[in-house]
Amino acid sequence: MASAEKYLRPEVIRQVARLDLRAKFIVQGFLTGLHASPYQGFSVEFSEHRKYAPGDDLKYLDWGVYAKTGKYFVKKFQAETNMTGYLVMDLSKSMDWNGRAAAKAAGVRLDRNSPGPADETLTKFEYGICLAAALGYLMILQQDPVGLVAFDTKLKTVVPPKSKRTQLGTILSVLANLKPEGETNIADCLNQIAAMLKGKSLVMVFSDLLADPEPILRSLYRLRYGGHEVILFHVLDELEVNFPLAGLVDFEDVESPGDHLEVDAAGIRDDYLAAVGDLREHYRRECAGANVDYVPMDTSVGFDKALLDYLVLRQRRFG
């Protein structure tokens, strides 16, 4: 991670460095599980034994086990496959937003009972970088190639996947030099990625998904139909999730400057929170049906804890 310090702000580096050993082991196990072959074959990675059955090739008998047990066992191997990973980053202007910093700058009052975020300096984009850095680092550690696709209304940057140790520094330096700005077209860009991919891939999407969900879901279905594993990290700001605002608030659309709406925060809070909950539930339900991992996150929770919680939950779900 040392090479990343040249490119990213220190507070982002501190967040990435917090990924503890327990998280590293679980993430590695998760990634290994994703690209474990569903079929058994013979290759260099020995996994277990099974009892000899008539017709088995005698050269795979384990004579060491026979000497200890007096029974015939065949060495069983698991065919190795490579999983190519793609870190897919949304560059919309809305990703470059820190709710508490924006509220402070605008003089907006916050609810006194509102919990503060773990790190007030991170925008949604920086939070996504932390997640991408952790997953990219661990893929490279186990020699899986990983690349980057950054998009707004089109694919802005594509870093071809590699498994070299220097690849993470390359990816982070590219991200650090990209500016999230303007509008986005998530669905079209995911469709372009689906057309671009060759061979089974792991597609990890980092976005706030502030767009019509139906075209996005159709593009996710296309990726799954192509045989790819998909993890959708839905990254929202703490203010977007909990809405701890008070008094009259003047909202401006960050992707359409000049569009304003003044509201009474207390008066719309319940409806707003219900709408956010409904959106997340819609994504959860539809993604589950397509076997896409949907991971809702917000910047009030340290990225390392959020990532670990997700991986532990998945581990329990799939045993």
C-alpha atoms as a PDB file:
ATOM      1  CA  MET A   1       0.000   0.000   0.000  1.00  0.00           C
ATOM      2  CA  ALA A   2       3.006   2.302   0.314  1.00  0.00           C
ATOM      3  CA  SER A   3       2.811   3.353  -3.329  1.00  0.00           C
ATOM      4  CA  ALA A   4      -0.742   4.607  -2.793  1.00  0.00           C
ATOM      5  CA  GLU A   5       0.411   7.290  -0.321  1.00  0.00           C
ATOM      6  CA  LYS A   6       1.818   9.238  -3.245  1.00  0.00           C
ATOM      7  CA  TYR A   7      -1.617   9.513  -4.803  1.00  0.00           C
ATOM      8  CA  LEU A   8      -4.275   9.560  -2.090  1.00  0.00           C
ATOM      9  CA  ARG A   9      -5.045  11.810   0.840  1.00  0.00           C
ATOM     10  CA  PRO A  10      -3.627  10.533   4.171  1.00  0.00           C
ATOM     11  CA  GLU A  11      -7.049  10.020   5.761  1.00  0.00           C
ATOM     12  CA  VAL A  12      -8.017   7.646   2.948  1.00  0.00           C
ATOM     13  CA  ILE A  13      -4.789   5.694   3.403  1.00  0.00           C
ATOM     14  CA  ARG A  14      -5.468   5.435   7.140  1.00  0.00           C
ATOM     15  CA  GLN A  15      -8.881   3.925   6.367  1.00  0.00           C
ATOM     16  CA  VAL A  16      -7.405   1.310   4.017  1.00  0.00           C
ATOM     17  CA  ALA A  17      -4.695   0.438   6.541  1.00  0.00           C
ATOM     18  CA  ARG A  18      -7.385  -0.399   9.119  1.00  0.00           C
ATOM     19  CA  LEU A  19      -8.364  -3.595   7.326  1.00  0.00           C
ATOM     20  CA  ASP A  20      -7.298  -5.994  10.077  1.00  0.00           C
ATOM     21  CA  LEU A  21      -5.917  -9.523   9.746  1.00  0.00           C
ATOM     22  CA  ARG A  22      -9.256 -11.170  10.490  1.00  0.00           C
ATOM     23  CA  ALA A  23     -10.859  -9.235   7.663  1.00  0.00           C
ATOM     24  CA  LYS A  24      -7.998 -10.124   5.322  1.00  0.00           C
ATOM     25  CA  PHE A  25      -8.397 -13.845   5.964  1.00  0.00           C
ATOM     26  CA  ILE A  26     -12.162 -13.723   5.506  1.00  0.00           C
ATOM     27  CA  VAL A  27     -11.928 -11.656   2.299  1.00  0.00           C
ATOM     28  CA  GLN A  28      -9.301 -14.028   0.917  1.00  0.00           C
ATOM     29  CA  GLY A  29     -11.489 -17.017   1.730  1.00  0.00           C
ATOM     30  CA  PHE A  30     -14.450 -15.311   0.109  1.00  0.00           C
ATOM     31  CA  LEU A  31     -12.546 -14.558  -3.100  1.00  0.00           C
ATOM     32  CA  THR A  32     -11.120 -18.067  -3.206  1.00  0.00           C
ATOM     33  CA  GLY A  33     -14.623 -19.472  -2.821  1.00  0.00           C
ATOM     34  CA  LEU A  34     -15.897 -17.347  -5.696  1.00  0.00           C
ATOM     35  CA  HIS A  35     -13.494 -18.823  -8.215  1.00  0.00           C
ATOM     36  CA  ALA A  36     -13.325 -22.369  -6.866  1.00  0.00           C
ATOM     37  CA  SER A  37     -14.250 -24.674  -9.706  1.00  0.00           C
ATOM     38  CA  PRO A  38     -17.623 -26.416  -9.339  1.00  0.00           C
ATOM     39  CA  TYR A  39     -16.187 -29.574 -10.848  1.00  0.00           C
ATOM     40  CA  GLN A  40     -13.429 -31.884  -9.676  1.00  0.00           C
ATOM     41  CA  GLY A  41     -10.335 -32.543 -11.775  1.00  0.00           C
ATOM     42  CA  PHE A  42      -6.642 -33.198 -11.376  1.00  0.00           C
ATOM     43  CA  SER A  43      -4.209 -30.327 -11.037  1.00  0.00           C
ATOM     44  CA  VAL A  44      -1.521 -29.092  -8.702  1.00  0.00           C
ATOM     45  CA  GLU A  45      -3.699 -28.203  -5.686  1.00  0.00           C
ATOM     46  CA  PHE A  46      -4.381 -31.242  -3.480  1.00  0.00           C
ATOM     47  CA  SER A  47      -7.611 -30.888  -1.504  1.00  0.00           C
ATOM     48  CA  GLU A  48      -8.836 -34.159   0.025  1.00  0.00           C
ATOM     49  CA  HIS A  49      -9.147 -37.967  -0.229  1.00  0.00           C
ATOM     50  CA  ARG A  50     -11.994 -40.233  -1.185  1.00  0.00           C
ATOM     51  CA  LYS A  51     -12.361 -43.988  -1.052  1.00  0.00           C
ATOM     52  CA  TYR A  52     -11.075 -45.948  -4.037  1.00  0.00           C
ATOM     53  CA  ALA A  53     -13.763 -47.037  -6.488  1.00  0.00           C
ATOM     54  CA  PRO A  54     -13.378 -49.616  -9.292  1.00  0.00           C
ATOM     55  CA  GLY A  55     -12.198 -47.870 -12.431  1.00  0.00           C
ATOM     56  CA  ASP A  56     -10.142 -45.181 -10.628  1.00  0.00           C
ATOM     57  CA  ASP A  57      -6.629 -44.688 -11.989  1.00  0.00           C
ATOM     58  CA  LEU A  58      -4.278 -46.623  -9.678  1.00  0.00           C
ATOM     59  CA  LYS A  59      -1.554 -44.008 -10.001  1.00  0.00           C
ATOM     60  CA  TYR A  60      -3.632 -41.685  -7.782  1.00  0.00           C
ATOM     61  CA  LEU A  61      -3.812 -44.158  -4.878  1.00  0.00           C
ATOM     62  CA  ASP A  62      -2.278 -42.676  -1.723  1.00  0.00           C
ATOM     63  CA  TRP A  63       0.016 -45.411  -0.434  1.00  0.00           C
ATOM     64  CA  GLY A  64       0.879 -43.366   2.644  1.00  0.00           C
ATOM     65  CA  VAL A  65      -2.751 -43.450   3.748  1.00  0.00           C
ATOM     66  CA  TYR A  66      -2.909 -47.183   2.946  1.00  0.00           C
ATOM     67  CA  ALA A  67       0.133 -47.834   5.158  1.00  0.00           C
ATOM     68  CA  LYS A  68      -1.615 -46.120   8.088  1.00  0.00           C
ATOM     69  CA  THR A  69      -5.158 -47.409   7.629  1.00  0.00           C
ATOM     70  CA  GLY A  70      -4.948 -50.548   5.471  1.00  0.00           C
ATOM     71  CA  LYS A  71      -7.620 -48.982   3.247  1.00  0.00           C
ATOM     72  CA  TYR A  72      -7.400 -47.654  -0.292  1.00  0.00           C
ATOM     73  CA  PHE A  73      -7.932 -43.918  -0.808  1.00  0.00           C
ATOM     74  CA  VAL A  74      -7.540 -41.875  -3.960  1.00  0.00           C
ATOM     75  CA  LYS A  75      -6.057 -38.393  -3.921  1.00  0.00           C
ATOM     76  CA  LYS A  76      -8.740 -35.948  -4.889  1.00  0.00           C
ATOM     77  CA  PHE A  77      -7.817 -32.621  -6.418  1.00  0.00           C
ATOM     78  CA  GLN A  78      -9.753 -29.458  -7.113  1.00  0.00           C
ATOM     79  CA  ALA A  79      -9.295 -27.920 -10.534  1.00  0.00           C
ATOM     80  CA  GLU A  80      -7.875 -24.420 -10.287  1.00  0.00           C
ATOM     81  CA  THR A  81      -9.439 -21.584 -12.167  1.00  0.00           C
ATOM     82  CA  ASN A  82      -8.517 -17.913 -12.312  1.00  0.00           C
ATOM     83  CA  MET A  83     -11.078 -15.258 -11.459  1.00  0.00           C
ATOM     84  CA  THR A  84     -10.482 -11.928 -13.185  1.00  0.00           C
ATOM     85  CA  GLY A  85     -11.799  -9.040 -11.100  1.00  0.00           C
ATOM     86  CA  TYR A  86     -13.053  -5.652 -12.247  1.00  0.00           C
ATOM     87  CA  LEU A  87     -13.464  -2.738  -9.842  1.00  0.00           C
ATOM     88  CA  VAL A  88     -16.227  -0.621 -11.409  1.00  0.00           C
ATOM     89  CA  MET A  89     -16.402   2.930 -10.043  1.00  0.00           C
ATOM     90  CA  ASP A  90     -19.183   5.501 -10.523  1.00  0.00           C
ATOM     91  CA  LEU A  91     -17.785   8.968 -11.321  1.00  0.00           C
ATOM     92  CA  SER A  92     -21.045  10.913 -10.993  1.00  0.00           C
ATOM     93  CA  LYS A  93     -20.913  14.265  -9.193  1.00  0.00           C
ATOM     94  CA  SER A  94     -23.142  12.885  -6.433  1.00  0.00           C
ATOM     95  CA  MET A  95     -20.347  10.492  -5.423  1.00  0.00           C
ATOM     96  CA  ASP A  96     -18.107  13.459  -4.570  1.00  0.00           C
ATOM     97  CA  TRP A  97     -20.223  14.441  -1.564  1.00  0.00           C
ATOM     98  CA  ASN A  98     -19.783  14.488   2.184  1.00  0.00           C
ATOM     99  CA  GLY A  99     -23.109  15.238   3.858  1.00  0.00           C
ATOM    100  CA  ARG A 100     -21.852  16.559   7.170  1.00  0.00           C
ATOM    101  CA  ALA A 101     -19.244  18.785   5.522  1.00  0.00           C
ATOM    102  CA  ALA A 102     -21.904  20.132   3.154  1.00  0.00           C
ATOM    103  CA  ALA A 103     -24.370  20.720   6.009  1.00  0.00           C
ATOM    104  CA  LYS A 104     -21.733  22.557   8.040  1.00  0.00           C
ATOM    105  CA  ALA A 105     -20.747  24.737   5.083  1.00  0.00           C
ATOM    106  CA  ALA A 106     -24.415  25.610   4.443  1.00  0.00           C
ATOM    107  CA  GLY A 107     -25.173  26.272   8.136  1.00  0.00           C
ATOM    108  CA  VAL A 108     -27.790  23.494   8.240  1.00  0.00           C
ATOM    109  CA  ARG A 109     -28.711  22.189  11.703  1.00  0.00           C
ATOM    110  CA  LEU A 110     -28.469  18.475  12.463  1.00  0.00           C
ATOM    111  CA  ASP A 111     -30.640  16.480  14.854  1.00  0.00           C
ATOM    112  CA  ARG A 112     -28.889  16.326  18.241  1.00  0.00           C
ATOM    113  CA  ASN A 113     -29.579  12.580  18.485  1.00  0.00           C
ATOM    114  CA  SER A 114     -27.901  11.867  15.170  1.00  0.00           C
ATOM    115  CA  PRO A 115     -24.839   9.598  15.389  1.00  0.00           C
ATOM    116  CA  GLY A 116     -21.735  10.986  13.758  1.00  0.00           C
ATOM    117  CA  PRO A 117     -19.930   9.088  10.998  1.00  0.00           C
ATOM    118  CA  ALA A 118     -16.781   7.106  11.745  1.00  0.00           C
ATOM    119  CA  ASP A 119     -14.700   9.430   9.586  1.00  0.00           C
ATOM    120  CA  GLU A 120     -16.180  12.758   8.576  1.00  0.00           C
ATOM    121  CA  THR A 121     -13.555  13.402   5.899  1.00  0.00           C
ATOM    122  CA  LEU A 122     -14.622  10.689   3.450  1.00  0.00           C
ATOM    123  CA  THR A 123     -16.858  11.338   0.480  1.00  0.00           C
ATOM    124  CA  LYS A 124     -18.815   8.452  -1.029  1.00  0.00           C
ATOM    125  CA  PHE A 125     -16.181   8.265  -3.766  1.00  0.00           C
ATOM    126  CA  GLU A 126     -13.317   8.024  -1.252  1.00  0.00           C
ATOM    127  CA  TYR A 127     -15.250   5.398   0.684  1.00  0.00           C
ATOM    128  CA  GLY A 128     -15.586   3.437  -2.556  1.00  0.00           C
ATOM    129  CA  ILE A 129     -11.841   3.770  -3.122  1.00  0.00           C
ATOM    130  CA  CYS A 130     -11.217   2.225   0.309  1.00  0.00           C
ATOM    131  CA  LEU A 131     -13.449  -0.741  -0.520  1.00  0.00           C
ATOM    132  CA  ALA A 132     -11.852  -1.134  -3.940  1.00  0.00           C
ATOM    133  CA  ALA A 133      -8.338  -0.936  -2.469  1.00  0.00           C
ATOM    134  CA  ALA A 134      -9.076  -3.677   0.070  1.00  0.00           C
ATOM    135  CA  LEU A 135     -10.624  -6.060  -2.465  1.00  0.00           C
ATOM    136  CA  GLY A 136      -8.062  -5.267  -5.168  1.00  0.00           C
ATOM    137  CA  TYR A 137      -5.174  -5.815  -2.765  1.00  0.00           C
ATOM    138  CA  LEU A 138      -6.474  -9.206  -1.686  1.00  0.00           C
ATOM    139  CA  MET A 139      -7.113 -10.373  -5.252  1.00  0.00           C
ATOM    140  CA  ILE A 140      -3.566  -9.478  -6.203  1.00  0.00           C
ATOM    141  CA  LEU A 141      -2.268 -11.160  -3.041  1.00  0.00           C
ATOM    142  CA  GLN A 142      -3.710 -14.458  -4.245  1.00  0.00           C
ATOM    143  CA  GLN A 143      -2.445 -13.783  -7.783  1.00  0.00           C
ATOM    144  CA  ASP A 144      -5.814 -13.079  -9.364  1.00  0.00           C
ATOM    145  CA  PRO A 145      -5.759 -10.361 -12.031  1.00  0.00           C
ATOM    146  CA  VAL A 146      -7.787  -7.249 -11.249  1.00  0.00           C
ATOM    147  CA  GLY A 147      -8.575  -4.192 -13.355  1.00  0.00           C
ATOM    148  CA  LEU A 148     -10.519  -0.937 -13.105  1.00  0.00           C
ATOM    149  CA  VAL A 149     -13.391   0.586 -15.030  1.00  0.00           C
ATOM    150  CA  ALA A 150     -14.438   4.148 -14.133  1.00  0.00           C
ATOM    151  CA  PHE A 151     -17.553   5.606 -15.734  1.00  0.00           C
ATOM    152  CA  ASP A 152     -19.947   8.531 -15.824  1.00  0.00           C
ATOM    153  CA  THR A 153     -22.233   8.684 -18.869  1.00  0.00           C
ATOM    154  CA  LYS A 154     -19.700   6.487 -20.679  1.00  0.00           C
ATOM    155  CA  LEU A 155     -16.682   4.355 -19.829  1.00  0.00           C
ATOM    156  CA  LYS A 156     -14.154   7.016 -18.902  1.00  0.00           C
ATOM    157  CA  THR A 157     -11.135   4.897 -18.026  1.00  0.00           C
ATOM    158  CA  VAL A 158     -10.306   1.209 -18.368  1.00  0.00           C
ATOM    159  CA  VAL A 159      -7.227  -0.266 -16.661  1.00  0.00           C
ATOM    160  CA  PRO A 160      -6.696  -3.808 -18.031  1.00  0.00           C
ATOM    161  CA  PRO A 161      -6.573  -6.517 -15.356  1.00  0.00           C
ATOM    162  CA  LYS A 162      -3.165  -7.659 -14.115  1.00  0.00           C
ATOM    163  CA  SER A 163      -1.981  -9.629 -11.102  1.00  0.00           C
ATOM    164  CA  LYS A 164       1.309  -7.762 -10.624  1.00  0.00           C
ATOM    165  CA  ARG A 165       2.012  -6.231  -7.216  1.00  0.00           C
ATOM    166  CA  THR A 166       2.266  -2.779  -8.812  1.00  0.00           C
ATOM    167  CA  GLN A 167      -1.290  -3.023 -10.185  1.00  0.00           C
ATOM    168  CA  LEU A 168      -2.971  -1.697  -7.044  1.00  0.00           C
ATOM    169  CA  GLY A 169      -0.823   1.449  -7.069  1.00  0.00           C
ATOM    170  CA  THR A 170      -1.710   1.937 -10.738  1.00  0.00           C
ATOM    171  CA  ILE A 171      -5.436   1.588 -10.036  1.00  0.00           C
ATOM    172  CA  LEU A 172      -5.374   3.951  -7.044  1.00  0.00           C
ATOM    173  CA  SER A 173      -3.339   6.569  -8.872  1.00  0.00           C
ATOM    174  CA  VAL A 174      -5.841   6.525 -11.735  1.00  0.00           C
ATOM    175  CA  LEU A 175      -8.759   6.881  -9.290  1.00  0.00           C
ATOM    176  CA  ALA A 176      -7.055   9.703  -7.422  1.00  0.00           C
ATOM    177  CA  ASN A 177      -6.629  11.641 -10.663  1.00  0.00           C
ATOM    178  CA  LEU A 178     -10.243  11.217 -11.753  1.00  0.00           C
ATOM    179  CA  LYS A 179     -12.782  13.817 -10.672  1.00  0.00           C
ATOM    180  CA  PRO A 180     -16.357  12.674 -10.009  1.00  0.00           C
ATOM    181  CA  GLU A 181     -18.430  15.277 -11.837  1.00  0.00           C
ATOM    182  CA  GLY A 182     -21.550  15.636 -13.922  1.00  0.00           C
ATOM    183  CA  GLU A 183     -24.211  13.057 -14.664  1.00  0.00           C
ATOM    184  CA  THR A 184     -24.038   9.281 -14.926  1.00  0.00           C
ATOM    185  CA  ASN A 185     -25.594   6.472 -16.941  1.00  0.00           C
ATOM    186  CA  ILE A 186     -25.028   3.380 -14.843  1.00  0.00           C
ATOM    187  CA  ALA A 187     -27.135   0.977 -16.910  1.00  0.00           C
ATOM    188  CA  ASP A 188     -25.567   1.792 -20.291  1.00  0.00           C
ATOM    189  CA  CYS A 189     -22.064   1.586 -18.837  1.00  0.00           C
ATOM    190  CA  LEU A 190     -22.716  -1.787 -17.192  1.00  0.00           C
ATOM    191  CA  ASN A 191     -24.045  -3.045 -20.534  1.00  0.00           C
ATOM    192  CA  GLN A 192     -20.845  -1.857 -22.224  1.00  0.00           C
ATOM    193  CA  ILE A 193     -18.828  -3.696 -19.601  1.00  0.00           C
ATOM    194  CA  ALA A 194     -20.872  -6.876 -20.159  1.00  0.00           C
ATOM    195  CA  ALA A 195     -20.089  -6.689 -23.885  1.00  0.00           C
ATOM    196  CA  MET A 196     -16.391  -6.105 -23.155  1.00  0.00           C
ATOM    197  CA  LEU A 197     -15.786  -9.016 -20.758  1.00  0.00           C
ATOM    198  CA  LYS A 198     -14.303 -12.281 -21.942  1.00  0.00           C
ATOM    199  CA  GLY A 199     -14.342 -15.316 -19.687  1.00  0.00           C
ATOM    200  CA  LYS A 200     -15.902 -15.549 -16.234  1.00  0.00           C
ATOM    201  CA  SER A 201     -15.227 -12.394 -14.208  1.00  0.00           C
ATOM    202  CA  LEU A 202     -15.987 -10.929 -10.806  1.00  0.00           C
ATOM    203  CA  VAL A 203     -17.577  -7.497 -11.307  1.00  0.00           C
ATOM    204  CA  MET A 204     -17.543  -5.277  -8.200  1.00  0.00           C
ATOM    205  CA  VAL A 205     -19.641  -2.126  -8.668  1.00  0.00           C
ATOM    206  CA  PHE A 206     -19.308   0.898  -6.343  1.00  0.00           C
ATOM    207  CA  SER A 207     -22.101   3.461  -6.780  1.00  0.00           C
ATOM    208  CA  ASP A 208     -24.729   5.476  -4.929  1.00  0.00           C
ATOM    209  CA  LEU A 209     -27.263   4.269  -7.545  1.00  0.00           C
ATOM    210  CA  LEU A 210     -28.990   7.650  -7.745  1.00  0.00           C
ATOM    211  CA  ALA A 211     -30.843   6.777 -10.944  1.00  0.00           C
ATOM    212  CA  ASP A 212     -33.866   4.790 -12.120  1.00  0.00           C
ATOM    213  CA  PRO A 213     -33.293   1.288 -10.701  1.00  0.00           C
ATOM    214  CA  GLU A 214     -35.035  -0.714 -13.448  1.00  0.00           C
ATOM    215  CA  PRO A 215     -32.483  -0.167 -16.271  1.00  0.00           C
ATOM    216  CA  ILE A 216     -29.685  -0.770 -13.747  1.00  0.00           C
ATOM    217  CA  LEU A 217     -31.243  -4.060 -12.667  1.00  0.00           C
ATOM    218  CA  ARG A 218     -31.620  -5.176 -16.302  1.00  0.00           C
ATOM    219  CA  SER A 219     -27.913  -4.492 -16.877  1.00  0.00           C
ATOM    220  CA  LEU A 220     -27.070  -6.550 -13.777  1.00  0.00           C
ATOM    221  CA  TYR A 221     -29.202  -9.413 -15.118  1.00  0.00           C
ATOM    222  CA  ARG A 222     -27.224  -9.252 -18.364  1.00  0.00           C
ATOM    223  CA  LEU A 223     -23.938  -9.573 -16.481  1.00  0.00           C
ATOM    224  CA  ARG A 224     -25.269 -12.586 -14.585  1.00  0.00           C
ATOM    225  CA  TYR A 225     -26.624 -14.140 -17.799  1.00  0.00           C
ATOM    226  CA  GLY A 226     -23.077 -13.851 -19.168  1.00  0.00           C
ATOM    227  CA  GLY A 227     -21.857 -16.062 -16.312  1.00  0.00           C
ATOM    228  CA  HIS A 228     -20.184 -13.323 -14.277  1.00  0.00           C
ATOM    229  CA  GLU A 229     -20.214 -12.950 -10.494  1.00  0.00           C
ATOM    230  CA  VAL A 230     -21.532  -9.528  -9.458  1.00  0.00           C
ATOM    231  CA  ILE A 231     -21.254  -7.642  -6.166  1.00  0.00           C
ATOM    232  CA  LEU A 232     -23.159  -4.358  -6.027  1.00  0.00           C
ATOM    233  CA  PHE A 233     -21.878  -2.030  -3.298  1.00  0.00           C
ATOM    234  CA  HIS A 234     -24.608   0.588  -2.766  1.00  0.00           C
ATOM    235  CA  VAL A 235     -22.666   3.409  -1.092  1.00  0.00           C
ATOM    236  CA  LEU A 236     -24.701   6.231   0.456  1.00  0.00           C
ATOM    237  CA  ASP A 237     -23.745   9.087   2.737  1.00  0.00           C
ATOM    238  CA  GLU A 238     -24.807   8.939   6.392  1.00  0.00           C
ATOM    239  CA  LEU A 239     -27.121  11.915   5.850  1.00  0.00           C
ATOM    240  CA  GLU A 240     -28.780  10.196   2.884  1.00  0.00           C
ATOM    241  CA  VAL A 241     -29.512   7.103   4.983  1.00  0.00           C
ATOM    242  CA  ASN A 242     -30.512   8.639   8.339  1.00  0.00           C
ATOM    243  CA  PHE A 243     -31.646  12.163   7.308  1.00  0.00           C
ATOM    244  CA  PRO A 244     -30.604  13.844  10.591  1.00  0.00           C
ATOM    245  CA  LEU A 245     -31.512  17.343   9.342  1.00  0.00           C
ATOM    246  CA  ALA A 246     -33.586  19.956  11.165  1.00  0.00           C
ATOM    247  CA  GLY A 247     -35.392  23.144  10.147  1.00  0.00           C
ATOM    248  CA  LEU A 248     -35.818  24.507   6.616  1.00  0.00           C
ATOM    249  CA  VAL A 249     -33.277  23.024   4.215  1.00  0.00           C
ATOM    250  CA  ASP A 250     -32.468  24.192   0.702  1.00  0.00           C
ATOM    251  CA  PHE A 251     -31.534  21.180  -1.445  1.00  0.00           C
ATOM    252  CA  GLU A 252     -29.596  21.529  -4.692  1.00  0.00           C
ATOM    253  CA  ASP A 253     -29.234  18.731  -7.255  1.00  0.00           C
ATOM    254  CA  VAL A 254     -25.464  18.207  -7.410  1.00  0.00           C
ATOM    255  CA  GLU A 255     -25.721  16.716 -10.907  1.00  0.00           C
ATOM    256  CA  SER A 256     -27.960  19.552 -12.168  1.00  0.00           C
ATOM    257  CA  PRO A 257     -26.635  22.783 -10.558  1.00  0.00           C
ATOM    258  CA  GLY A 258     -29.293  25.461 -10.231  1.00  0.00           C
ATOM    259  CA  ASP A 259     -32.143  23.069  -9.403  1.00  0.00           C
ATOM    260  CA  HIS A 260     -33.216  23.937  -5.837  1.00  0.00           C
ATOM    261  CA  LEU A 261     -35.929  22.701  -3.487  1.00  0.00           C
ATOM    262  CA  GLU A 262     -36.571  24.134  -0.005  1.00  0.00           C
ATOM    263  CA  VAL A 263     -38.279  21.763   2.450  1.00  0.00           C
ATOM    264  CA  ASP A 264     -39.076  21.404   6.130  1.00  0.00           C
ATOM    265  CA  ALA A 265     -36.778  18.538   7.169  1.00  0.00           C
ATOM    266  CA  ALA A 266     -38.945  17.281  10.025  1.00  0.00           C
ATOM    267  CA  GLY A 267     -42.043  17.310   7.827  1.00  0.00           C
ATOM    268  CA  ILE A 268     -40.598  15.029   5.136  1.00  0.00           C
ATOM    269  CA  ARG A 269     -38.303  12.834   7.265  1.00  0.00           C
ATOM    270  CA  ASP A 270     -40.658   9.857   7.648  1.00  0.00           C
ATOM    271  CA  ASP A 271     -41.627   9.798   3.967  1.00  0.00           C
ATOM    272  CA  TYR A 272     -38.018  10.208   2.899  1.00  0.00           C
ATOM    273  CA  LEU A 273     -36.737   7.396   5.139  1.00  0.00           C
ATOM    274  CA  ALA A 274     -39.539   5.122   3.921  1.00  0.00           C
ATOM    275  CA  ALA A 275     -38.551   5.847   0.309  1.00  0.00           C
ATOM    276  CA  VAL A 276     -34.879   5.038   0.958  1.00  0.00           C
ATOM    277  CA  GLY A 277     -35.884   1.841   2.764  1.00  0.00           C
ATOM    278  CA  ASP A 278     -38.152   0.836  -0.124  1.00  0.00           C
ATOM    279  CA  LEU A 279     -35.381   1.456  -2.668  1.00  0.00           C
ATOM    280  CA  ARG A 280     -32.882  -0.650  -0.751  1.00  0.00           C
ATOM    281  CA  GLU A 281     -35.426  -3.435  -0.272  1.00  0.00           C
ATOM    282  CA  HIS A 282     -36.263  -3.386  -3.997  1.00  0.00           C
ATOM    283  CA  TYR A 283     -32.597  -3.791  -4.888  1.00  0.00           C
ATOM    284  CA  ARG A 284     -32.140  -6.492  -2.265  1.00  0.00           C
ATOM    285  CA  ARG A 285     -35.100  -8.508  -3.497  1.00  0.00           C
ATOM    286  CA  GLU A 286     -34.340  -8.204  -7.224  1.00  0.00           C
ATOM    287  CA  CYS A 287     -30.620  -8.861  -6.792  1.00  0.00           C
ATOM    288  CA  ALA A 288     -31.314 -11.918  -4.644  1.00  0.00           C
ATOM    289  CA  GLY A 289     -33.511 -13.308  -7.411  1.00  0.00           C
ATOM    290  CA  ALA A 290     -30.678 -12.876  -9.924  1.00  0.00           C
ATOM    291  CA  ASN A 291     -27.989 -14.205  -7.547  1.00  0.00           C
ATOM    292  CA  VAL A 292     -26.297 -10.806  -7.389  1.00  0.00           C
ATOM    293  CA  ASP A 293     -24.776  -9.807  -4.056  1.00  0.00           C
ATOM    294  CA  TYR A 294     -26.379  -6.501  -3.015  1.00  0.00           C
ATOM    295  CA  VAL A 295     -24.438  -4.733  -0.243  1.00  0.00           C
ATOM    296  CA  PRO A 296     -25.995  -1.533   1.195  1.00  0.00           C
ATOM    297  CA  MET A 297     -23.407   0.648   2.946  1.00  0.00           C
ATOM    298  CA  ASP A 298     -23.151   4.152   4.327  1.00  0.00           C
ATOM    299  CA  THR A 299     -20.234   6.346   5.285  1.00  0.00           C
ATOM    300  CA  SER A 300     -21.108   6.411   9.006  1.00  0.00           C
ATOM    301  CA  VAL A 301     -19.615   2.906   9.332  1.00  0.00           C
ATOM    302  CA  GLY A 302     -15.877   2.378   8.852  1.00  0.00           C
ATOM    303  CA  PHE A 303     -15.323   0.663   5.507  1.00  0.00           C
ATOM    304  CA  ASP A 304     -13.348  -2.171   7.129  1.00  0.00           C
ATOM    305  CA  LYS A 305     -16.181  -3.041   9.546  1.00  0.00           C
ATOM    306  CA  ALA A 306     -18.811  -2.740   6.800  1.00  0.00           C
ATOM    307  CA  LEU A 307     -16.839  -5.026   4.491  1.00  0.00           C
ATOM    308  CA  LEU A 308     -16.171  -7.556   7.231  1.00  0.00           C
ATOM    309  CA  ASP A 309     -19.845  -7.596   8.292  1.00  0.00           C
ATOM    310  CA  TYR A 310     -20.902  -8.338   4.734  1.00  0.00           C
ATOM    311  CA  LEU A 311     -18.363 -11.120   4.273  1.00  0.00           C
ATOM    312  CA  VAL A 312     -19.217 -12.780   7.586  1.00  0.00           C
ATOM    313  CA  LEU A 313     -22.929 -12.626   6.687  1.00  0.00           C
ATOM    314  CA  ARG A 314     -22.261 -14.202   3.284  1.00  0.00           C
ATOM    315  CA  GLN A 315     -20.097 -16.867   4.875  1.00  0.00           C
ATOM    316  CA  ARG A 316     -22.967 -17.841   7.205  1.00  0.00           C
ATOM    317  CA  ARG A 317     -25.459 -17.774   4.354  1.00  0.00           C
ATOM    318  CA  PHE A 318     -23.491 -20.133   2.136  1.00  0.00           C
ATOM    319  CA  GLY A 319     -21.800 -22.147   4.888  1.00  0.00           C
END
